[in-house]
Amino acid sequence: MAKIHSNPPSANILMNSMRSMGYSFEAAIADIVDNSISANASIIWIDFPVSSQKEPYVTVLDNGTGMSFDELLNAMKYGSQKDSYSENDLGRFGLGLKAASLSQCRKLTVASKQGNNINCLQWNLDVVIKNQSWDCIELSGEEYSELPGISKLKELQSGTLVIWQDFDEISKEYGSSKPIFDVLSSYMDDAENHIRLVFHRFLNKRVKPLKILINNREIVGLDPFLESSYNPKNDLKKESEFSVQYGDGKKAIVKMQACILPHQNDLTKENIDALGGIENLKDGQGFYVYRNDRLIIYGTWFRLSSKHISPELYKYGRIKVDIPNSLDEIWRIDIKKQKAVIPPSILNLFRRAVSQVERTSEKKAKKRMRLSYAEDEDKIWAKELVRDGKESFYINPHSKFITSFLDTFDDKDKSKILRFLDVISSQLPFDDIYISVCEKKNTSELPQETINSIVQLAIDQIKLLEKVQCISQEKAIEFVTGYSPFDSTEVVKEIKRRLQ
């Protein structure tokens, strides 16, 4: 007969290992905010030192329902479990509080108040490693009275305070080259932008909106679909609903709605502020998947386009998708709430939505431009006619050279690279080029150092094509050398010589 042996994990090893799950600072903060929202908080305070003279910390305090000692002890457990999850719950795995917090620091303290009672527990990684045991520390009133943020918790009727201390990961990454205070300040700027987007539905509610304050400064939510920042040219399509089956024949409703934003020349300052800046036209295109109004994933097309997606042409298109938490499993929502996978059963519905958005967004983008090169795939530089009959030159995102390079990146990285190329294009020194041409000081001949760089870049592209597209070296060479700047006789000859 088979025997059953209890085989619990080693506390010090597991806790250390889970710190490497890949949480970014802003994603970790968002996970703590999730808990506050689930606790029915109406106000959340996020604080960190404004002076480098103080010991670094980050606190997240809410005025939610708070926890009893037993509830707090369960919440601090790895794999904490509720009796049941409501349909509005933002949690799922029972790991977020611990995994998110300890990915950023070595000491996590949670104090929670109900009525006149304050309970306080702490995970100290040094203690766990020393004792090699799941030793969660209960702090006495005298011990927690000096903690940052505790005085504000005491003023509340109920609520929970999360405290991060001992930021060893920052020390490892920056050493003594950058003070922890400066890094935290930078991280908090990123976290603010992330929170404004991820929780924008909560922050922008017309009735009883959630308030989030960072160092006592209230932040406002972004508006990626310009639903509250009015613009008559904003094209918000009709919302569609469809049923998705899960579990033992159960069904849940998924909602989807496409939106084509106004052309950038038609955006007001209020619109641009609501989007979070004009650069978010490119970076913000794609799907926005919400789970119980909390944004899970955004700025991606899930590689559903039938052709190469140009961030410039499709930057006005975005599609919002609402899913209930009952579909977490088939959507494969990860612990960090940053990844999702479209269920195969509704993949074709999403493909059709993408095609519709592509066509409309592309039409809107092209309406304002006339390309002299007609998007010639063999030319790296393109030209467009702008206002007042003037011409603008820019790096052609449709050239084979650019598209073959971008195809090796995901949608977000593509957008960043295209934005970088836009900046380079905008700095083209027209006057210097004109003077050189007039004085016949320019030359089309390339120095040997540049030729060597072109050849090496071509070889890198050829090897990448062989690996990613599984084609022969001969076909990869033929493809790469079929367009500029790799098509000159001298360059082709040198490529083939080096690859022999």
Protein backbone atom coordinates (compact mmCIF):
# COMPACT_ATOMS: atom_id res chain seq x y z
CA MET A 1 0.00 0.00 0.00
CA ALA A 2 1.31 3.45 -0.94
CA LYS A 3 2.53 5.60 1.93
CA ILE A 4 1.96 9.34 2.25
CA HIS A 5 4.80 11.49 3.55
CA SER A 6 4.47 15.10 4.57
CA ASN A 7 7.12 17.02 2.62
CA PRO A 8 6.81 20.77 3.34
CA PRO A 9 9.11 23.18 1.45
CA SER A 10 12.19 24.70 3.06
CA ALA A 11 11.12 28.16 4.22
CA ASN A 12 14.39 29.97 3.52
CA ILE A 13 14.86 28.44 0.04
CA LEU A 14 11.27 28.88 -1.17
CA MET A 15 10.93 32.41 0.14
CA ASN A 16 14.21 33.42 -1.49
CA SER A 17 13.29 31.70 -4.75
CA MET A 18 9.93 33.43 -5.01
CA ARG A 19 11.66 36.79 -4.87
CA SER A 20 12.82 36.14 -8.45
CA MET A 21 9.37 35.85 -10.00
CA GLY A 22 9.98 38.94 -12.12
CA TYR A 23 7.88 41.55 -10.35
CA SER A 24 8.67 45.10 -11.40
CA PHE A 25 8.41 47.75 -8.70
CA GLU A 26 5.23 49.23 -10.18
CA ALA A 27 3.61 45.79 -10.59
CA ALA A 28 4.41 44.99 -6.95
CA ILE A 29 2.82 48.23 -5.76
CA ALA A 30 -0.25 47.51 -7.90
CA ASP A 31 -0.62 44.10 -6.24
CA ILE A 32 -0.82 45.77 -2.82
CA VAL A 33 -3.39 48.25 -4.14
CA ASP A 34 -5.45 45.25 -5.32
CA ASN A 35 -5.72 44.06 -1.73
CA SER A 36 -6.86 47.48 -0.57
CA ILE A 37 -9.59 47.61 -3.22
CA SER A 38 -10.72 44.09 -2.29
CA ALA A 39 -10.97 45.32 1.32
CA ASN A 40 -13.47 48.00 0.17
CA ALA A 41 -11.09 50.89 0.73
CA SER A 42 -12.20 54.31 -0.51
CA ILE A 43 -8.82 55.99 0.11
CA ILE A 44 -5.30 54.59 -0.35
CA TRP A 45 -2.20 56.45 0.76
CA ILE A 46 1.17 55.50 -0.76
CA ASP A 47 4.14 57.13 0.96
CA PHE A 48 7.92 57.10 0.87
CA PRO A 49 10.54 59.44 2.42
CA VAL A 50 10.93 62.90 0.92
CA SER A 51 14.30 63.27 2.63
CA SER A 52 17.36 61.08 2.13
CA GLN A 53 18.09 61.53 5.84
CA LYS A 54 15.36 59.04 6.73
CA GLU A 55 15.61 55.27 6.56
CA PRO A 56 14.14 54.19 3.18
CA TYR A 57 10.66 52.70 3.26
CA VAL A 58 7.47 52.44 1.23
CA THR A 59 4.06 52.31 2.91
CA VAL A 60 0.63 51.55 1.48
CA LEU A 61 -2.21 52.42 3.85
CA ASP A 62 -5.93 52.00 3.22
CA ASN A 63 -9.16 52.69 5.10
CA GLY A 64 -10.66 49.30 4.22
CA THR A 65 -12.30 46.79 6.53
CA GLY A 66 -9.06 45.75 8.23
CA MET A 67 -8.27 42.28 9.59
CA SER A 68 -8.51 40.41 12.86
CA PHE A 69 -5.41 38.60 14.10
CA ASP A 70 -6.50 35.29 12.56
CA GLU A 71 -7.33 36.97 9.25
CA LEU A 72 -3.98 38.76 9.23
CA LEU A 73 -2.10 35.56 10.04
CA ASN A 74 -3.85 33.85 7.15
CA ALA A 75 -3.11 36.78 4.83
CA MET A 76 0.61 36.52 5.68
CA LYS A 77 0.63 32.81 4.87
CA TYR A 78 2.08 31.71 1.54
CA GLY A 79 -0.96 30.33 -0.26
CA SER A 80 -3.46 32.06 2.01
CA GLN A 81 -7.00 30.91 1.38
CA LYS A 82 -10.38 32.56 1.64
CA ASP A 83 -13.53 30.62 2.38
CA SER A 84 -14.77 31.84 -0.99
CA TYR A 85 -13.85 34.39 -3.64
CA SER A 86 -16.48 36.92 -4.64
CA GLU A 87 -17.07 37.82 -8.26
CA ASN A 88 -15.48 41.24 -7.56
CA ASP A 89 -12.32 39.87 -5.94
CA LEU A 90 -9.01 41.00 -7.44
CA GLY A 91 -6.93 38.25 -5.81
CA ARG A 92 -6.68 34.58 -6.63
CA PHE A 93 -3.49 32.76 -5.67
CA GLY A 94 -3.00 33.93 -2.08
CA LEU A 95 0.57 34.95 -2.87
CA GLY A 96 0.43 38.56 -4.07
CA LEU A 97 1.03 40.38 -0.78
CA LYS A 98 4.08 38.29 0.11
CA ALA A 99 5.58 37.61 -3.31
CA ALA A 100 5.14 41.19 -4.54
CA SER A 101 6.48 42.80 -1.37
CA LEU A 102 9.48 40.55 -0.79
CA SER A 103 10.49 40.82 -4.44
CA GLN A 104 11.42 44.42 -3.57
CA CYS A 105 12.57 44.26 0.05
CA ARG A 106 13.75 41.91 2.81
CA LYS A 107 11.33 43.07 5.49
CA LEU A 108 7.54 43.12 5.09
CA THR A 109 5.38 44.38 7.94
CA VAL A 110 1.59 44.46 7.90
CA ALA A 111 -0.45 46.22 10.60
CA SER A 112 -4.23 46.03 10.48
CA LYS A 113 -6.87 47.75 12.57
CA GLN A 114 -10.46 46.84 13.40
CA GLY A 115 -12.15 49.04 15.98
CA ASN A 116 -9.61 49.74 18.72
CA ASN A 117 -7.47 46.68 18.02
CA ILE A 118 -4.26 46.78 15.95
CA ASN A 119 -2.57 43.54 14.95
CA CYS A 120 0.90 43.55 13.45
CA LEU A 121 2.89 40.73 11.79
CA GLN A 122 6.20 40.77 9.99
CA TRP A 123 8.20 38.64 7.57
CA ASN A 124 11.91 39.28 8.03
CA LEU A 125 13.92 37.34 5.48
CA ASP A 126 17.03 37.39 7.68
CA VAL A 127 15.10 35.68 10.50
CA VAL A 128 13.63 33.06 8.15
CA ILE A 129 17.08 32.26 6.74
CA LYS A 130 18.66 32.10 10.19
CA ASN A 131 15.97 29.86 11.67
CA GLN A 132 15.23 27.98 8.43
CA SER A 133 11.61 28.02 9.48
CA TRP A 134 8.36 29.81 8.61
CA ASP A 135 8.75 32.16 11.55
CA CYS A 136 6.33 35.08 11.18
CA ILE A 137 6.99 37.73 13.84
CA GLU A 138 4.19 39.31 15.88
CA LEU A 139 5.13 42.84 16.94
CA SER A 140 3.97 44.27 20.24
CA GLY A 141 2.37 47.70 20.56
CA GLU A 142 5.65 49.15 21.72
CA GLU A 143 7.50 47.61 18.75
CA TYR A 144 5.10 48.74 16.04
CA SER A 145 4.52 52.22 17.50
CA GLU A 146 7.69 53.52 15.79
CA LEU A 147 6.87 52.14 12.35
CA PRO A 148 6.36 54.61 9.49
CA GLY A 149 2.69 55.29 8.79
CA ILE A 150 1.41 53.75 12.03
CA SER A 151 0.18 57.08 13.46
CA LYS A 152 -2.08 57.58 10.44
CA LEU A 153 -3.45 54.03 10.80
CA LYS A 154 -4.32 54.74 14.43
CA GLU A 155 -6.50 57.67 13.34
CA LEU A 156 -8.64 55.43 11.11
CA GLN A 157 -11.70 53.49 12.23
CA SER A 158 -10.34 50.49 10.33
CA GLY A 159 -7.69 49.83 7.72
CA THR A 160 -4.45 48.08 6.82
CA LEU A 161 -0.88 49.34 6.58
CA VAL A 162 1.76 47.55 4.46
CA ILE A 163 5.38 48.53 5.06
CA TRP A 164 8.42 47.68 2.91
CA GLN A 165 11.90 48.08 4.40
CA ASP A 166 15.47 46.99 3.63
CA PHE A 167 15.65 47.35 -0.16
CA ASP A 168 18.49 44.94 -0.83
CA GLU A 169 17.55 44.44 -4.51
CA ILE A 170 18.14 48.14 -5.19
CA SER A 171 21.49 47.93 -3.42
CA LYS A 172 22.48 44.92 -5.53
CA GLU A 173 21.54 46.64 -8.78
CA TYR A 174 23.04 50.07 -8.14
CA GLY A 175 25.59 49.47 -5.38
CA SER A 176 26.89 52.73 -3.99
CA SER A 177 26.66 54.51 -7.37
CA LYS A 178 23.14 55.76 -6.69
CA PRO A 179 21.49 56.41 -3.30
CA ILE A 180 18.47 54.21 -2.54
CA PHE A 181 16.42 57.35 -1.93
CA ASP A 182 17.01 58.56 -5.52
CA VAL A 183 16.16 55.15 -6.96
CA LEU A 184 12.95 54.93 -4.91
CA SER A 185 11.92 58.38 -6.13
CA SER A 186 12.43 57.25 -9.73
CA TYR A 187 10.57 54.00 -9.11
CA MET A 188 7.65 55.85 -7.56
CA ASP A 189 7.33 58.03 -10.67
CA ASP A 190 6.99 54.87 -12.77
CA ALA A 191 4.59 53.39 -10.24
CA GLU A 192 2.40 56.49 -10.36
CA ASN A 193 2.02 56.26 -14.14
CA HIS A 194 1.31 52.54 -13.86
CA ILE A 195 -1.33 53.01 -11.16
CA ARG A 196 -3.02 55.83 -13.05
CA LEU A 197 -3.53 53.47 -15.98
CA VAL A 198 -4.13 50.09 -14.31
CA PHE A 199 -6.74 51.47 -11.88
CA HIS A 200 -8.13 54.23 -14.08
CA ARG A 201 -11.67 52.82 -13.97
CA PHE A 202 -11.68 53.00 -10.17
CA LEU A 203 -10.13 56.47 -10.10
CA ASN A 204 -12.43 57.90 -12.77
CA LYS A 205 -15.75 56.61 -11.42
CA ARG A 206 -18.46 59.25 -11.46
CA VAL A 207 -19.98 57.96 -8.24
CA LYS A 208 -17.70 57.30 -5.26
CA PRO A 209 -14.38 57.20 -7.11
CA LEU A 210 -11.38 55.60 -5.42
CA LYS A 211 -8.86 58.12 -4.09
CA ILE A 212 -5.15 57.29 -4.25
CA LEU A 213 -2.65 59.72 -2.79
CA ILE A 214 1.13 59.54 -3.22
CA ASN A 215 2.87 61.51 -0.48
CA ASN A 216 -0.50 63.22 0.15
CA ARG A 217 -0.87 64.28 -3.51
CA GLU A 218 -4.03 62.88 -5.10
CA ILE A 219 -3.50 61.30 -8.53
CA VAL A 220 -6.02 61.11 -11.37
CA GLY A 221 -6.68 58.16 -13.63
CA LEU A 222 -5.71 58.09 -17.28
CA ASP A 223 -8.36 57.66 -19.97
CA PRO A 224 -7.00 55.42 -22.77
CA PHE A 225 -10.35 55.40 -24.65
CA LEU A 226 -11.19 59.10 -24.12
CA GLU A 227 -14.54 58.15 -22.60
CA SER A 228 -14.57 61.02 -20.12
CA SER A 229 -12.33 63.42 -22.06
CA TYR A 230 -14.81 64.28 -24.81
CA ASN A 231 -13.82 64.54 -28.46
CA PRO A 232 -16.51 64.40 -31.20
CA LYS A 233 -14.13 62.54 -33.52
CA ASN A 234 -13.54 59.70 -31.08
CA ASP A 235 -14.97 56.58 -32.74
CA LEU A 236 -16.16 54.24 -29.99
CA LYS A 237 -17.78 51.20 -31.60
CA LYS A 238 -20.79 49.32 -30.29
CA GLU A 239 -19.99 46.92 -27.45
CA SER A 240 -20.46 43.21 -28.18
CA GLU A 241 -20.98 40.36 -25.73
CA PHE A 242 -20.36 36.65 -26.12
CA SER A 243 -20.59 33.61 -23.90
CA VAL A 244 -17.52 31.56 -22.92
CA GLN A 245 -17.79 28.09 -21.41
CA TYR A 246 -15.59 27.03 -18.49
CA GLY A 247 -15.47 24.36 -15.80
CA ASP A 248 -18.30 21.83 -15.85
CA GLY A 249 -20.45 23.45 -18.49
CA LYS A 250 -20.62 26.83 -16.75
CA LYS A 251 -20.77 29.99 -18.86
CA ALA A 252 -19.51 33.52 -18.39
CA ILE A 253 -19.89 36.70 -20.41
CA VAL A 254 -16.94 38.44 -22.09
CA LYS A 255 -17.44 41.97 -23.39
CA MET A 256 -15.46 43.57 -26.20
CA GLN A 257 -15.48 47.07 -27.67
CA ALA A 258 -13.25 48.63 -30.31
CA CYS A 259 -12.22 52.27 -30.40
CA ILE A 260 -10.50 54.42 -33.03
CA LEU A 261 -9.06 57.52 -31.40
CA PRO A 262 -9.09 60.89 -33.18
CA HIS A 263 -6.14 61.78 -35.39
CA GLN A 264 -3.36 63.34 -33.34
CA ASN A 265 -3.98 66.72 -35.01
CA ASP A 266 -7.57 66.61 -33.71
CA LEU A 267 -6.65 65.86 -30.11
CA THR A 268 -7.12 68.63 -27.55
CA LYS A 269 -4.65 69.27 -24.74
CA GLU A 270 -7.17 67.68 -22.38
CA ASN A 271 -7.28 64.57 -24.61
CA ILE A 272 -3.49 64.32 -24.68
CA ASP A 273 -3.27 64.67 -20.89
CA ALA A 274 -5.96 62.01 -20.48
CA LEU A 275 -3.97 59.61 -22.68
CA GLY A 276 -0.84 60.26 -20.65
CA GLY A 277 1.06 62.03 -23.43
CA ILE A 278 1.13 61.98 -27.22
CA GLU A 279 3.66 59.10 -27.20
CA ASN A 280 0.94 56.86 -25.78
CA LEU A 281 -0.80 56.90 -29.15
CA LYS A 282 1.80 54.40 -30.33
CA ASP A 283 2.63 52.69 -27.06
CA GLY A 284 -1.03 52.44 -26.05
CA GLN A 285 -2.48 50.82 -29.16
CA GLY A 286 -3.82 47.26 -29.04
CA PHE A 287 -5.90 45.24 -26.59
CA TYR A 288 -6.83 46.35 -23.07
CA VAL A 289 -7.91 43.35 -21.03
CA TYR A 290 -9.77 44.18 -17.81
CA ARG A 291 -10.55 41.75 -15.03
CA ASN A 292 -13.16 43.17 -12.67
CA ASP A 293 -12.32 46.69 -13.94
CA ARG A 294 -8.64 46.17 -13.12
CA LEU A 295 -6.39 46.44 -16.21
CA ILE A 296 -4.41 43.21 -16.63
CA ILE A 297 -2.63 43.59 -19.95
CA TYR A 298 -2.49 46.39 -22.48
CA GLY A 299 -0.56 47.73 -25.47
CA THR A 300 -0.36 44.41 -27.35
CA TRP A 301 -2.14 42.91 -30.36
CA PHE A 302 -1.45 39.34 -29.14
CA ARG A 303 0.23 38.79 -32.54
CA LEU A 304 -3.21 38.46 -34.12
CA SER A 305 -2.53 40.73 -37.05
CA SER A 306 -2.51 39.03 -40.45
CA LYS A 307 0.35 41.28 -41.48
CA HIS A 308 3.17 43.19 -39.84
CA ILE A 309 1.71 45.73 -37.44
CA SER A 310 3.10 49.20 -37.99
CA PRO A 311 2.84 51.20 -34.78
CA GLU A 312 2.49 54.35 -36.86
CA LEU A 313 -0.43 53.19 -39.02
CA TYR A 314 -2.42 51.44 -36.31
CA LYS A 315 -1.69 53.75 -33.41
CA TYR A 316 -5.29 55.01 -33.24
CA GLY A 317 -6.79 51.56 -32.70
CA ARG A 318 -7.45 49.86 -29.39
CA ILE A 319 -9.87 47.22 -28.17
CA LYS A 320 -11.11 46.84 -24.61
CA VAL A 321 -12.05 43.42 -23.30
CA ASP A 322 -13.82 42.75 -20.00
CA ILE A 323 -13.54 39.32 -18.39
CA PRO A 324 -14.85 38.07 -15.02
CA ASN A 325 -12.48 36.42 -12.51
CA SER A 326 -14.31 33.13 -13.07
CA LEU A 327 -12.39 32.85 -16.36
CA ASP A 328 -8.93 33.27 -14.79
CA GLU A 329 -7.93 29.70 -15.49
CA ILE A 330 -8.79 29.58 -19.20
CA TRP A 331 -7.27 33.05 -19.71
CA ARG A 332 -4.16 31.88 -17.82
CA ILE A 333 -3.95 35.01 -15.68
CA ASP A 334 -0.55 34.91 -13.98
CA ILE A 335 0.24 35.67 -10.34
CA LYS A 336 1.56 39.14 -11.19
CA LYS A 337 -1.64 39.94 -13.15
CA GLN A 338 0.48 41.08 -16.07
CA LYS A 339 -0.09 38.29 -18.59
CA ALA A 340 -3.09 36.69 -20.23
CA VAL A 341 -3.67 34.28 -23.10
CA ILE A 342 -6.75 34.46 -25.32
CA PRO A 343 -8.75 31.20 -25.04
CA PRO A 344 -8.73 29.27 -28.35
CA SER A 345 -12.54 29.15 -28.38
CA ILE A 346 -12.79 32.92 -28.97
CA LEU A 347 -9.58 33.50 -30.92
CA ASN A 348 -11.37 34.04 -34.25
CA LEU A 349 -13.63 36.68 -32.71
CA PHE A 350 -10.55 38.60 -31.65
CA ARG A 351 -8.92 38.22 -35.07
CA ARG A 352 -11.96 39.76 -36.74
CA ALA A 353 -11.94 42.63 -34.25
CA VAL A 354 -8.25 43.28 -34.95
CA SER A 355 -8.83 43.31 -38.73
CA GLN A 356 -11.63 45.83 -38.37
CA VAL A 357 -9.58 48.12 -36.16
CA GLU A 358 -6.54 47.83 -38.44
CA ARG A 359 -8.50 48.91 -41.49
CA THR A 360 -10.15 51.88 -39.81
CA SER A 361 -7.02 53.08 -37.99
CA GLU A 362 -4.87 52.70 -41.10
CA LYS A 363 -7.38 54.71 -43.12
CA LYS A 364 -7.33 57.49 -40.51
CA ALA A 365 -3.51 57.54 -40.37
CA LYS A 366 -3.08 57.62 -44.15
CA LYS A 367 -5.76 60.26 -44.66
CA ARG A 368 -3.36 62.95 -43.45
CA MET A 369 -0.32 61.92 -45.48
CA ARG A 370 0.77 61.26 -49.03
CA LEU A 371 3.92 59.19 -49.31
CA SER A 372 6.13 60.16 -52.25
CA TYR A 373 7.81 56.76 -52.06
CA ALA A 374 4.43 54.99 -51.89
CA GLU A 375 5.76 52.92 -48.94
CA ASP A 376 8.49 51.40 -51.14
CA GLU A 377 9.64 48.33 -49.22
CA ASP A 378 13.17 48.62 -50.60
CA LYS A 379 13.82 52.14 -49.32
CA ILE A 380 14.81 52.88 -45.74
CA TRP A 381 14.01 56.59 -46.03
CA ALA A 382 10.54 57.84 -46.98
CA LYS A 383 9.10 61.25 -47.69
CA GLU A 384 5.70 62.73 -46.91
CA LEU A 385 3.98 65.95 -47.82
CA VAL A 386 3.04 67.87 -44.70
CA ARG A 387 1.21 71.15 -44.26
CA ASP A 388 1.98 74.22 -46.42
CA GLY A 389 3.38 72.03 -49.19
CA LYS A 390 6.53 71.22 -47.22
CA GLU A 391 8.16 67.79 -47.27
CA SER A 392 9.30 65.71 -44.33
CA PHE A 393 11.75 62.82 -44.50
CA TYR A 394 11.56 59.92 -42.08
CA ILE A 395 12.79 56.36 -41.65
CA ASN A 396 10.35 54.15 -43.53
CA PRO A 397 8.73 51.66 -41.09
CA HIS A 398 7.59 49.55 -44.07
CA SER A 399 11.07 48.91 -45.48
CA LYS A 400 12.10 45.27 -45.48
CA PHE A 401 15.16 46.20 -43.45
CA ILE A 402 13.04 47.69 -40.63
CA THR A 403 10.21 45.12 -40.67
CA SER A 404 12.52 42.08 -40.68
CA PHE A 405 14.31 43.54 -37.68
CA LEU A 406 11.10 44.46 -35.79
CA ASP A 407 9.53 41.05 -36.33
CA THR A 408 11.89 39.62 -33.72
CA PHE A 409 10.38 41.84 -30.98
CA ASP A 410 7.00 41.95 -29.23
CA ASP A 411 4.54 44.78 -29.86
CA LYS A 412 5.64 46.98 -26.95
CA ASP A 413 9.30 46.84 -27.94
CA LYS A 414 8.36 47.52 -31.57
CA SER A 415 6.61 50.70 -30.47
CA LYS A 416 9.63 51.86 -28.46
CA ILE A 417 12.02 51.20 -31.35
CA LEU A 418 9.74 53.00 -33.85
CA ARG A 419 9.48 55.94 -31.47
CA PHE A 420 13.27 56.02 -31.22
CA LEU A 421 13.52 56.04 -35.03
CA ASP A 422 10.99 58.89 -35.15
CA VAL A 423 13.27 60.95 -32.93
CA ILE A 424 16.25 60.23 -35.19
CA SER A 425 14.19 61.20 -38.25
CA SER A 426 13.11 64.46 -36.62
CA GLN A 427 16.76 65.44 -36.13
CA LEU A 428 17.75 65.14 -39.78
CA PRO A 429 20.19 68.06 -40.40
CA PHE A 430 18.54 69.52 -43.54
CA ASP A 431 20.64 72.71 -43.60
CA ASP A 432 23.96 70.89 -43.26
CA ILE A 433 22.99 68.40 -45.97
CA TYR A 434 21.87 71.21 -48.29
CA ILE A 435 25.13 73.14 -47.84
CA SER A 436 27.21 69.99 -48.43
CA VAL A 437 25.30 69.21 -51.63
CA CYS A 438 25.60 72.78 -52.93
CA GLU A 439 29.32 72.89 -52.23
CA LYS A 440 29.73 69.35 -53.63
CA LYS A 441 31.33 68.21 -50.38
CA ASN A 442 29.06 65.22 -50.00
CA THR A 443 29.84 61.75 -51.28
CA SER A 444 27.84 58.57 -51.76
CA GLU A 445 30.90 56.46 -51.07
CA LEU A 446 30.95 54.88 -47.66
CA PRO A 447 34.08 54.63 -45.48
CA GLN A 448 35.38 51.11 -44.88
CA GLU A 449 34.39 51.25 -41.21
CA THR A 450 30.73 51.87 -42.17
CA ILE A 451 30.84 49.08 -44.76
CA ASN A 452 32.14 46.70 -42.10
CA SER A 453 29.26 47.70 -39.81
CA ILE A 454 26.72 47.13 -42.59
CA VAL A 455 28.20 43.73 -43.38
CA GLN A 456 28.17 42.67 -39.74
CA LEU A 457 24.57 43.84 -39.34
CA ALA A 458 23.59 41.85 -42.43
CA ILE A 459 25.27 38.74 -41.06
CA ASP A 460 23.42 39.16 -37.76
CA GLN A 461 20.13 39.49 -39.66
CA ILE A 462 20.91 36.40 -41.78
CA LYS A 463 21.65 34.28 -38.72
CA LEU A 464 18.51 35.55 -37.01
CA LEU A 465 16.39 34.62 -40.04
CA GLU A 466 17.93 31.15 -40.09
CA LYS A 467 17.08 30.66 -36.43
CA VAL A 468 13.65 32.31 -36.20
CA GLN A 469 12.19 31.43 -39.60
CA CYS A 470 14.10 28.14 -40.02
CA ILE A 471 15.23 28.92 -43.57
CA SER A 472 18.49 28.01 -45.26
CA GLN A 473 21.44 30.35 -45.17
CA GLU A 474 21.25 30.73 -48.95
CA LYS A 475 17.64 31.95 -48.80
CA ALA A 476 18.43 34.22 -45.84
CA ILE A 477 21.31 35.80 -47.78
CA GLU A 478 19.08 36.26 -50.83
CA PHE A 479 16.41 37.98 -48.72
CA VAL A 480 18.74 40.32 -46.79
CA THR A 481 20.82 41.36 -49.81
CA GLY A 482 17.69 42.09 -51.80
CA TYR A 483 17.24 45.53 -50.25
CA SER A 484 19.23 48.58 -49.21
CA PRO A 485 21.76 49.01 -47.64
CA PHE A 486 22.86 45.40 -48.21
CA ASP A 487 22.37 45.23 -51.98
CA SER A 488 25.57 46.87 -53.20
CA THR A 489 28.00 44.57 -55.01
CA GLU A 490 30.79 45.29 -52.54
CA VAL A 491 28.64 44.52 -49.49
CA VAL A 492 27.12 41.34 -50.97
CA LYS A 493 30.56 40.04 -51.91
CA GLU A 494 31.92 40.66 -48.41
CA ILE A 495 28.86 39.05 -46.73
CA LYS A 496 29.29 35.86 -48.74
CA ARG A 497 33.04 35.80 -48.11
CA ARG A 498 32.58 36.02 -44.33
CA LEU A 499 29.89 33.37 -44.28
CA GLN A 500 31.92 30.80 -46.22
